[in-house]
Amino acid sequence: MGRDFSHIARRCERAVVTAYRELREAGQADMAAFQACTALYRIHHPEASMSEARRLVSEWVDHHVHRASTGATPGCEC
């Protein structure tokens, strides 16, 4: 999990992935880290629905953390 995510261009995506990684490294359970990151995304994007936030966070975590991929992902334009 100690990967460098500085290549992620979108600020909210980088914030979410970094927060998830750090929470997991600090011993938080997967679901607790996911819920915290969903809340973080909604702070950046209060207009987003909860289901949209959950979908994006899960896609980003899966892409960057679980698969360790570096390619582009779908999401917001920030």
PDB file of N, CA and C in Angstrom:
ATOM      1  N   MET A   1       0.795  -1.200   0.000  1.00  0.00           N
ATOM      2  CA  MET A   1       0.000   0.000   0.000  1.00  0.00           C
ATOM      3  C   MET A   1       0.835   1.260   0.000  1.00  0.00           C
ATOM      4  N   GLY A   2       2.088   1.216   0.177  1.00  0.00           N
ATOM      5  CA  GLY A   2       2.912   2.394   0.275  1.00  0.00           C
ATOM      6  C   GLY A   2       3.304   2.975  -1.065  1.00  0.00           C
ATOM      7  N   ARG A   3       2.405   2.986  -2.016  1.00  0.00           N
ATOM      8  CA  ARG A   3       2.710   3.480  -3.354  1.00  0.00           C
ATOM      9  C   ARG A   3       2.594   4.996  -3.434  1.00  0.00           C
ATOM     10  N   ASP A   4       3.281   5.585  -4.408  1.00  0.00           N
ATOM     11  CA  ASP A   4       3.234   7.020  -4.663  1.00  0.00           C
ATOM     12  C   ASP A   4       2.064   7.312  -5.587  1.00  0.00           C
ATOM     13  N   PHE A   5       1.147   8.148  -5.136  1.00  0.00           N
ATOM     14  CA  PHE A   5      -0.021   8.497  -5.942  1.00  0.00           C
ATOM     15  C   PHE A   5       0.086   9.910  -6.501  1.00  0.00           C
ATOM     16  N   SER A   6       1.283  10.466  -6.573  1.00  0.00           N
ATOM     17  CA  SER A   6       1.455  11.840  -7.057  1.00  0.00           C
ATOM     18  C   SER A   6       1.121  11.977  -8.533  1.00  0.00           C
ATOM     19  N   HIS A   7       1.041  10.868  -9.273  1.00  0.00           N
ATOM     20  CA  HIS A   7       0.713  10.926 -10.694  1.00  0.00           C
ATOM     21  C   HIS A   7      -0.772  11.178 -10.941  1.00  0.00           C
ATOM     22  N   ILE A   8      -1.611  11.111  -9.909  1.00  0.00           N
ATOM     23  CA  ILE A   8      -3.047  11.315 -10.084  1.00  0.00           C
ATOM     24  C   ILE A   8      -3.304  12.804 -10.284  1.00  0.00           C
ATOM     25  N   ALA A   9      -3.917  13.143 -11.401  1.00  0.00           N
ATOM     26  CA  ALA A   9      -4.079  14.543 -11.781  1.00  0.00           C
ATOM     27  C   ALA A   9      -5.201  15.249 -11.018  1.00  0.00           C
ATOM     28  N   ARG A  10      -6.335  14.585 -10.828  1.00  0.00           N
ATOM     29  CA  ARG A  10      -7.464  15.244 -10.168  1.00  0.00           C
ATOM     30  C   ARG A  10      -7.207  15.349  -8.674  1.00  0.00           C
ATOM     31  N   ARG A  11      -7.409  16.545  -8.139  1.00  0.00           N
ATOM     32  CA  ARG A  11      -7.134  16.785  -6.723  1.00  0.00           C
ATOM     33  C   ARG A  11      -7.992  15.938  -5.797  1.00  0.00           C
ATOM     34  N   CYS A  12      -9.290  15.844  -6.080  1.00  0.00           N
ATOM     35  CA  CYS A  12     -10.143  15.076  -5.169  1.00  0.00           C
ATOM     36  C   CYS A  12      -9.822  13.589  -5.250  1.00  0.00           C
ATOM     37  N   GLU A  13      -9.494  13.107  -6.427  1.00  0.00           N
ATOM     38  CA  GLU A  13      -9.120  11.691  -6.575  1.00  0.00           C
ATOM     39  C   GLU A  13      -7.846  11.398  -5.794  1.00  0.00           C
ATOM     40  N   ARG A  14      -6.859  12.260  -5.914  1.00  0.00           N
ATOM     41  CA  ARG A  14      -5.606  12.082  -5.178  1.00  0.00           C
ATOM     42  C   ARG A  14      -5.858  12.135  -3.673  1.00  0.00           C
ATOM     43  N   ALA A  15      -6.712  13.068  -3.238  1.00  0.00           N
ATOM     44  CA  ALA A  15      -7.021  13.186  -1.807  1.00  0.00           C
ATOM     45  C   ALA A  15      -7.703  11.927  -1.286  1.00  0.00           C
ATOM     46  N   VAL A  16      -8.643  11.403  -2.052  1.00  0.00           N
ATOM     47  CA  VAL A  16      -9.370  10.195  -1.650  1.00  0.00           C
ATOM     48  C   VAL A  16      -8.435   8.995  -1.567  1.00  0.00           C
ATOM     49  N   VAL A  17      -7.634   8.795  -2.588  1.00  0.00           N
ATOM     50  CA  VAL A  17      -6.738   7.628  -2.623  1.00  0.00           C
ATOM     51  C   VAL A  17      -5.682   7.727  -1.519  1.00  0.00           C
ATOM     52  N   THR A  18      -5.140   8.905  -1.319  1.00  0.00           N
ATOM     53  CA  THR A  18      -4.141   9.100  -0.264  1.00  0.00           C
ATOM     54  C   THR A  18      -4.761   8.864   1.109  1.00  0.00           C
ATOM     55  N   ALA A  19      -5.950   9.411   1.337  1.00  0.00           N
ATOM     56  CA  ALA A  19      -6.620   9.228   2.624  1.00  0.00           C
ATOM     57  C   ALA A  19      -6.928   7.757   2.876  1.00  0.00           C
ATOM     58  N   TYR A  20      -7.423   7.064   1.864  1.00  0.00           N
ATOM     59  CA  TYR A  20      -7.728   5.641   2.018  1.00  0.00           C
ATOM     60  C   TYR A  20      -6.466   4.863   2.387  1.00  0.00           C
ATOM     61  N   ARG A  21      -5.413   5.100   1.647  1.00  0.00           N
ATOM     62  CA  ARG A  21      -4.158   4.387   1.902  1.00  0.00           C
ATOM     63  C   ARG A  21      -3.653   4.657   3.319  1.00  0.00           C
ATOM     64  N   GLU A  22      -3.668   5.914   3.734  1.00  0.00           N
ATOM     65  CA  GLU A  22      -3.151   6.264   5.061  1.00  0.00           C
ATOM     66  C   GLU A  22      -4.032   5.724   6.183  1.00  0.00           C
ATOM     67  N   LEU A  23      -5.337   5.736   5.985  1.00  0.00           N
ATOM     68  CA  LEU A  23      -6.227   5.169   6.997  1.00  0.00           C
ATOM     69  C   LEU A  23      -6.002   3.667   7.148  1.00  0.00           C
ATOM     70  N   ARG A  24      -5.849   2.977   6.037  1.00  0.00           N
ATOM     71  CA  ARG A  24      -5.601   1.526   6.091  1.00  0.00           C
ATOM     72  C   ARG A  24      -4.253   1.238   6.745  1.00  0.00           C
ATOM     73  N   GLU A  25      -3.233   2.033   6.409  1.00  0.00           N
ATOM     74  CA  GLU A  25      -1.914   1.844   7.019  1.00  0.00           C
ATOM     75  C   GLU A  25      -1.938   2.113   8.519  1.00  0.00           C
ATOM     76  N   ALA A  26      -2.867   2.987   8.953  1.00  0.00           N
ATOM     77  CA  ALA A  26      -2.996   3.307  10.378  1.00  0.00           C
ATOM     78  C   ALA A  26      -3.839   2.273  11.123  1.00  0.00           C
ATOM     79  N   GLY A  27      -4.336   1.269  10.396  1.00  0.00           N
ATOM     80  CA  GLY A  27      -5.061   0.196  11.044  1.00  0.00           C
ATOM     81  C   GLY A  27      -6.567   0.251  10.941  1.00  0.00           C
ATOM     82  N   GLN A  28      -7.101   1.217  10.214  1.00  0.00           N
ATOM     83  CA  GLN A  28      -8.549   1.294  10.046  1.00  0.00           C
ATOM     84  C   GLN A  28      -9.046   0.152   9.164  1.00  0.00           C
ATOM     85  N   ALA A  29     -10.231  -0.328   9.456  1.00  0.00           N
ATOM     86  CA  ALA A  29     -10.853  -1.374   8.643  1.00  0.00           C
ATOM     87  C   ALA A  29     -11.206  -0.819   7.271  1.00  0.00           C
ATOM     88  N   ASP A  30     -11.310  -1.710   6.306  1.00  0.00           N
ATOM     89  CA  ASP A  30     -11.618  -1.313   4.934  1.00  0.00           C
ATOM     90  C   ASP A  30     -12.884  -0.466   4.859  1.00  0.00           C
ATOM     91  N   MET A  31     -13.967  -0.912   5.490  1.00  0.00           N
ATOM     92  CA  MET A  31     -15.231  -0.187   5.397  1.00  0.00           C
ATOM     93  C   MET A  31     -15.155   1.180   6.070  1.00  0.00           C
ATOM     94  N   ALA A  32     -14.465   1.277   7.180  1.00  0.00           N
ATOM     95  CA  ALA A  32     -14.310   2.566   7.862  1.00  0.00           C
ATOM     96  C   ALA A  32     -13.524   3.537   6.988  1.00  0.00           C
ATOM     97  N   ALA A  33     -12.470   3.059   6.350  1.00  0.00           N
ATOM     98  CA  ALA A  33     -11.676   3.908   5.456  1.00  0.00           C
ATOM     99  C   ALA A  33     -12.509   4.319   4.245  1.00  0.00           C
ATOM    100  N   PHE A  34     -13.272   3.394   3.700  1.00  0.00           N
ATOM    101  CA  PHE A  34     -14.134   3.691   2.553  1.00  0.00           C
ATOM    102  C   PHE A  34     -15.170   4.754   2.916  1.00  0.00           C
ATOM    103  N   GLN A  35     -15.821   4.616   4.059  1.00  0.00           N
ATOM    104  CA  GLN A  35     -16.823   5.586   4.480  1.00  0.00           C
ATOM    105  C   GLN A  35     -16.209   6.963   4.716  1.00  0.00           C
ATOM    106  N   ALA A  36     -15.032   7.002   5.303  1.00  0.00           N
ATOM    107  CA  ALA A  36     -14.349   8.277   5.522  1.00  0.00           C
ATOM    108  C   ALA A  36     -14.002   8.939   4.195  1.00  0.00           C
ATOM    109  N   CYS A  37     -13.571   8.151   3.236  1.00  0.00           N
ATOM    110  CA  CYS A  37     -13.203   8.698   1.931  1.00  0.00           C
ATOM    111  C   CYS A  37     -14.424   9.139   1.135  1.00  0.00           C
ATOM    112  N   THR A  38     -15.540   8.461   1.325  1.00  0.00           N
ATOM    113  CA  THR A  38     -16.784   8.904   0.699  1.00  0.00           C
ATOM    114  C   THR A  38     -17.188  10.258   1.269  1.00  0.00           C
ATOM    115  N   ALA A  39     -17.067  10.419   2.574  1.00  0.00           N
ATOM    116  CA  ALA A  39     -17.364  11.714   3.197  1.00  0.00           C
ATOM    117  C   ALA A  39     -16.401  12.785   2.692  1.00  0.00           C
ATOM    118  N   LEU A  40     -15.133  12.443   2.555  1.00  0.00           N
ATOM    119  CA  LEU A  40     -14.139  13.385   2.035  1.00  0.00           C
ATOM    120  C   LEU A  40     -14.511  13.835   0.625  1.00  0.00           C
ATOM    121  N   TYR A  41     -14.890  12.898  -0.216  1.00  0.00           N
ATOM    122  CA  TYR A  41     -15.297  13.256  -1.585  1.00  0.00           C
ATOM    123  C   TYR A  41     -16.483  14.213  -1.554  1.00  0.00           C
ATOM    124  N   ARG A  42     -17.447  13.955  -0.685  1.00  0.00           N
ATOM    125  CA  ARG A  42     -18.630  14.810  -0.632  1.00  0.00           C
ATOM    126  C   ARG A  42     -18.313  16.182  -0.050  1.00  0.00           C
ATOM    127  N   ILE A  43     -17.254  16.305   0.720  1.00  0.00           N
ATOM    128  CA  ILE A  43     -16.820  17.634   1.172  1.00  0.00           C
ATOM    129  C   ILE A  43     -16.305  18.418  -0.035  1.00  0.00           C
ATOM    130  N   HIS A  44     -15.548  17.764  -0.897  1.00  0.00           N
ATOM    131  CA  HIS A  44     -15.046  18.402  -2.118  1.00  0.00           C
ATOM    132  C   HIS A  44     -16.177  18.660  -3.102  1.00  0.00           C
ATOM    133  N   HIS A  45     -17.167  17.779  -3.127  1.00  0.00           N
ATOM    134  CA  HIS A  45     -18.269  17.849  -4.099  1.00  0.00           C
ATOM    135  C   HIS A  45     -19.609  17.652  -3.390  1.00  0.00           C
ATOM    136  N   PRO A  46     -20.095  18.682  -2.678  1.00  0.00           N
ATOM    137  CA  PRO A  46     -21.366  18.532  -1.949  1.00  0.00           C
ATOM    138  C   PRO A  46     -22.565  18.308  -2.880  1.00  0.00           C
ATOM    139  N   GLU A  47     -22.415  18.621  -4.140  1.00  0.00           N
ATOM    140  CA  GLU A  47     -23.500  18.415  -5.100  1.00  0.00           C
ATOM    141  C   GLU A  47     -23.657  16.945  -5.488  1.00  0.00           C
ATOM    142  N   ALA A  48     -22.678  16.132  -5.194  1.00  0.00           N
ATOM    143  CA  ALA A  48     -22.706  14.712  -5.566  1.00  0.00           C
ATOM    144  C   ALA A  48     -23.645  13.942  -4.645  1.00  0.00           C
ATOM    145  N   SER A  49     -24.370  13.007  -5.232  1.00  0.00           N
ATOM    146  CA  SER A  49     -25.223  12.133  -4.428  1.00  0.00           C
ATOM    147  C   SER A  49     -24.339  11.137  -3.677  1.00  0.00           C
ATOM    148  N   MET A  50     -24.906  10.537  -2.660  1.00  0.00           N
ATOM    149  CA  MET A  50     -24.157   9.534  -1.903  1.00  0.00           C
ATOM    150  C   MET A  50     -23.798   8.352  -2.798  1.00  0.00           C
ATOM    151  N   SER A  51     -24.714   7.942  -3.660  1.00  0.00           N
ATOM    152  CA  SER A  51     -24.410   6.798  -4.531  1.00  0.00           C
ATOM    153  C   SER A  51     -23.315   7.134  -5.534  1.00  0.00           C
ATOM    154  N   GLU A  52     -23.304   8.359  -6.045  1.00  0.00           N
ATOM    155  CA  GLU A  52     -22.232   8.768  -6.958  1.00  0.00           C
ATOM    156  C   GLU A  52     -20.894   8.792  -6.226  1.00  0.00           C
ATOM    157  N   ALA A  53     -20.882   9.320  -5.022  1.00  0.00           N
ATOM    158  CA  ALA A  53     -19.647   9.374  -4.231  1.00  0.00           C
ATOM    159  C   ALA A  53     -19.136   7.965  -3.942  1.00  0.00           C
ATOM    160  N   ARG A  54     -20.019   7.079  -3.546  1.00  0.00           N
ATOM    161  CA  ARG A  54     -19.605   5.698  -3.262  1.00  0.00           C
ATOM    162  C   ARG A  54     -19.043   5.023  -4.500  1.00  0.00           C
ATOM    163  N   ARG A  55     -19.695   5.235  -5.641  1.00  0.00           N
ATOM    164  CA  ARG A  55     -19.238   4.613  -6.882  1.00  0.00           C
ATOM    165  C   ARG A  55     -17.848   5.098  -7.253  1.00  0.00           C
ATOM    166  N   LEU A  56     -17.640   6.421  -7.236  1.00  0.00           N
ATOM    167  CA  LEU A  56     -16.333   6.960  -7.607  1.00  0.00           C
ATOM    168  C   LEU A  56     -15.242   6.522  -6.636  1.00  0.00           C
ATOM    169  N   VAL A  57     -15.514   6.597  -5.351  1.00  0.00           N
ATOM    170  CA  VAL A  57     -14.513   6.197  -4.357  1.00  0.00           C
ATOM    171  C   VAL A  57     -14.151   4.733  -4.543  1.00  0.00           C
ATOM    172  N   SER A  58     -15.155   3.888  -4.741  1.00  0.00           N
ATOM    173  CA  SER A  58     -14.843   2.463  -4.912  1.00  0.00           C
ATOM    174  C   SER A  58     -14.047   2.219  -6.190  1.00  0.00           C
ATOM    175  N   GLU A  59     -14.373   2.934  -7.272  1.00  0.00           N
ATOM    176  CA  GLU A  59     -13.608   2.781  -8.516  1.00  0.00           C
ATOM    177  C   GLU A  59     -12.172   3.247  -8.329  1.00  0.00           C
ATOM    178  N   TRP A  60     -11.984   4.384  -7.677  1.00  0.00           N
ATOM    179  CA  TRP A  60     -10.641   4.923  -7.486  1.00  0.00           C
ATOM    180  C   TRP A  60      -9.798   4.023  -6.582  1.00  0.00           C
ATOM    181  N   VAL A  61     -10.382   3.550  -5.490  1.00  0.00           N
ATOM    182  CA  VAL A  61      -9.646   2.673  -4.574  1.00  0.00           C
ATOM    183  C   VAL A  61      -9.289   1.368  -5.283  1.00  0.00           C
ATOM    184  N   ASP A  62     -10.243   0.807  -5.989  1.00  0.00           N
ATOM    185  CA  ASP A  62      -9.966  -0.433  -6.717  1.00  0.00           C
ATOM    186  C   ASP A  62      -8.859  -0.222  -7.742  1.00  0.00           C
ATOM    187  N   HIS A  63      -8.958   0.847  -8.502  1.00  0.00           N
ATOM    188  CA  HIS A  63      -8.001   1.124  -9.572  1.00  0.00           C
ATOM    189  C   HIS A  63      -6.592   1.385  -9.032  1.00  0.00           C
ATOM    190  N   HIS A  64      -6.490   2.308  -8.077  1.00  0.00           N
ATOM    191  CA  HIS A  64      -5.174   2.760  -7.618  1.00  0.00           C
ATOM    192  C   HIS A  64      -4.572   1.916  -6.504  1.00  0.00           C
ATOM    193  N   VAL A  65      -5.400   1.390  -5.620  1.00  0.00           N
ATOM    194  CA  VAL A  65      -4.882   0.670  -4.457  1.00  0.00           C
ATOM    195  C   VAL A  65      -4.860  -0.830  -4.714  1.00  0.00           C
ATOM    196  N   HIS A  66      -5.997  -1.389  -5.066  1.00  0.00           N
ATOM    197  CA  HIS A  66      -6.068  -2.841  -5.210  1.00  0.00           C
ATOM    198  C   HIS A  66      -5.393  -3.344  -6.486  1.00  0.00           C
ATOM    199  N   ARG A  67      -5.611  -2.656  -7.590  1.00  0.00           N
ATOM    200  CA  ARG A  67      -4.990  -3.078  -8.855  1.00  0.00           C
ATOM    201  C   ARG A  67      -3.628  -2.444  -9.090  1.00  0.00           C
ATOM    202  N   ALA A  68      -3.318  -1.368  -8.353  1.00  0.00           N
ATOM    203  CA  ALA A  68      -2.072  -0.618  -8.505  1.00  0.00           C
ATOM    204  C   ALA A  68      -1.892  -0.112  -9.928  1.00  0.00           C
ATOM    205  N   SER A  69      -3.003   0.276 -10.562  1.00  0.00           N
ATOM    206  CA  SER A  69      -2.948   0.819 -11.931  1.00  0.00           C
ATOM    207  C   SER A  69      -2.638   2.299 -11.884  1.00  0.00           C
ATOM    208  N   THR A  70      -2.032   2.797 -12.937  1.00  0.00           N
ATOM    209  CA  THR A  70      -1.683   4.222 -12.994  1.00  0.00           C
ATOM    210  C   THR A  70      -2.412   4.962 -14.111  1.00  0.00           C
ATOM    211  N   GLY A  71      -3.212   4.284 -14.885  1.00  0.00           N
ATOM    212  CA  GLY A  71      -3.918   4.921 -15.993  1.00  0.00           C
ATOM    213  C   GLY A  71      -5.048   5.812 -15.507  1.00  0.00           C
ATOM    214  N   ALA A  72      -5.673   6.481 -16.451  1.00  0.00           N
ATOM    215  CA  ALA A  72      -6.776   7.390 -16.157  1.00  0.00           C
ATOM    216  C   ALA A  72      -7.990   6.619 -15.649  1.00  0.00           C
ATOM    217  N   THR A  73      -8.796   7.291 -14.822  1.00  0.00           N
ATOM    218  CA  THR A  73     -10.033   6.720 -14.324  1.00  0.00           C
ATOM    219  C   THR A  73     -11.174   7.685 -14.596  1.00  0.00           C
ATOM    220  N   PRO A  74     -12.417   7.189 -14.626  1.00  0.00           N
ATOM    221  CA  PRO A  74     -13.541   8.103 -14.780  1.00  0.00           C
ATOM    222  C   PRO A  74     -13.734   8.903 -13.507  1.00  0.00           C
ATOM    223  N   GLY A  75     -14.357  10.055 -13.620  1.00  0.00           N
ATOM    224  CA  GLY A  75     -14.624  10.838 -12.421  1.00  0.00           C
ATOM    225  C   GLY A  75     -14.867  12.294 -12.734  1.00  0.00           C
ATOM    226  N   CYS A  76     -14.767  13.102 -11.719  1.00  0.00           N
ATOM    227  CA  CYS A  76     -15.006  14.539 -11.845  1.00  0.00           C
ATOM    228  C   CYS A  76     -13.876  15.194 -12.632  1.00  0.00           C
ATOM    229  N   GLU A  77     -14.050  16.467 -12.908  1.00  0.00           N
ATOM    230  CA  GLU A  77     -13.071  17.185 -13.720  1.00  0.00           C
ATOM    231  C   GLU A  77     -12.175  18.133 -12.908  1.00  0.00           C
ATOM    232  N   CYS A  78     -12.163  18.002 -11.602  1.00  0.00           N
ATOM    233  CA  CYS A  78     -11.355  18.950 -10.806  1.00  0.00           C
ATOM    234  C   CYS A  78      -9.891  18.549 -10.740  1.00  0.00           C
TER     235      CYS A  78
END
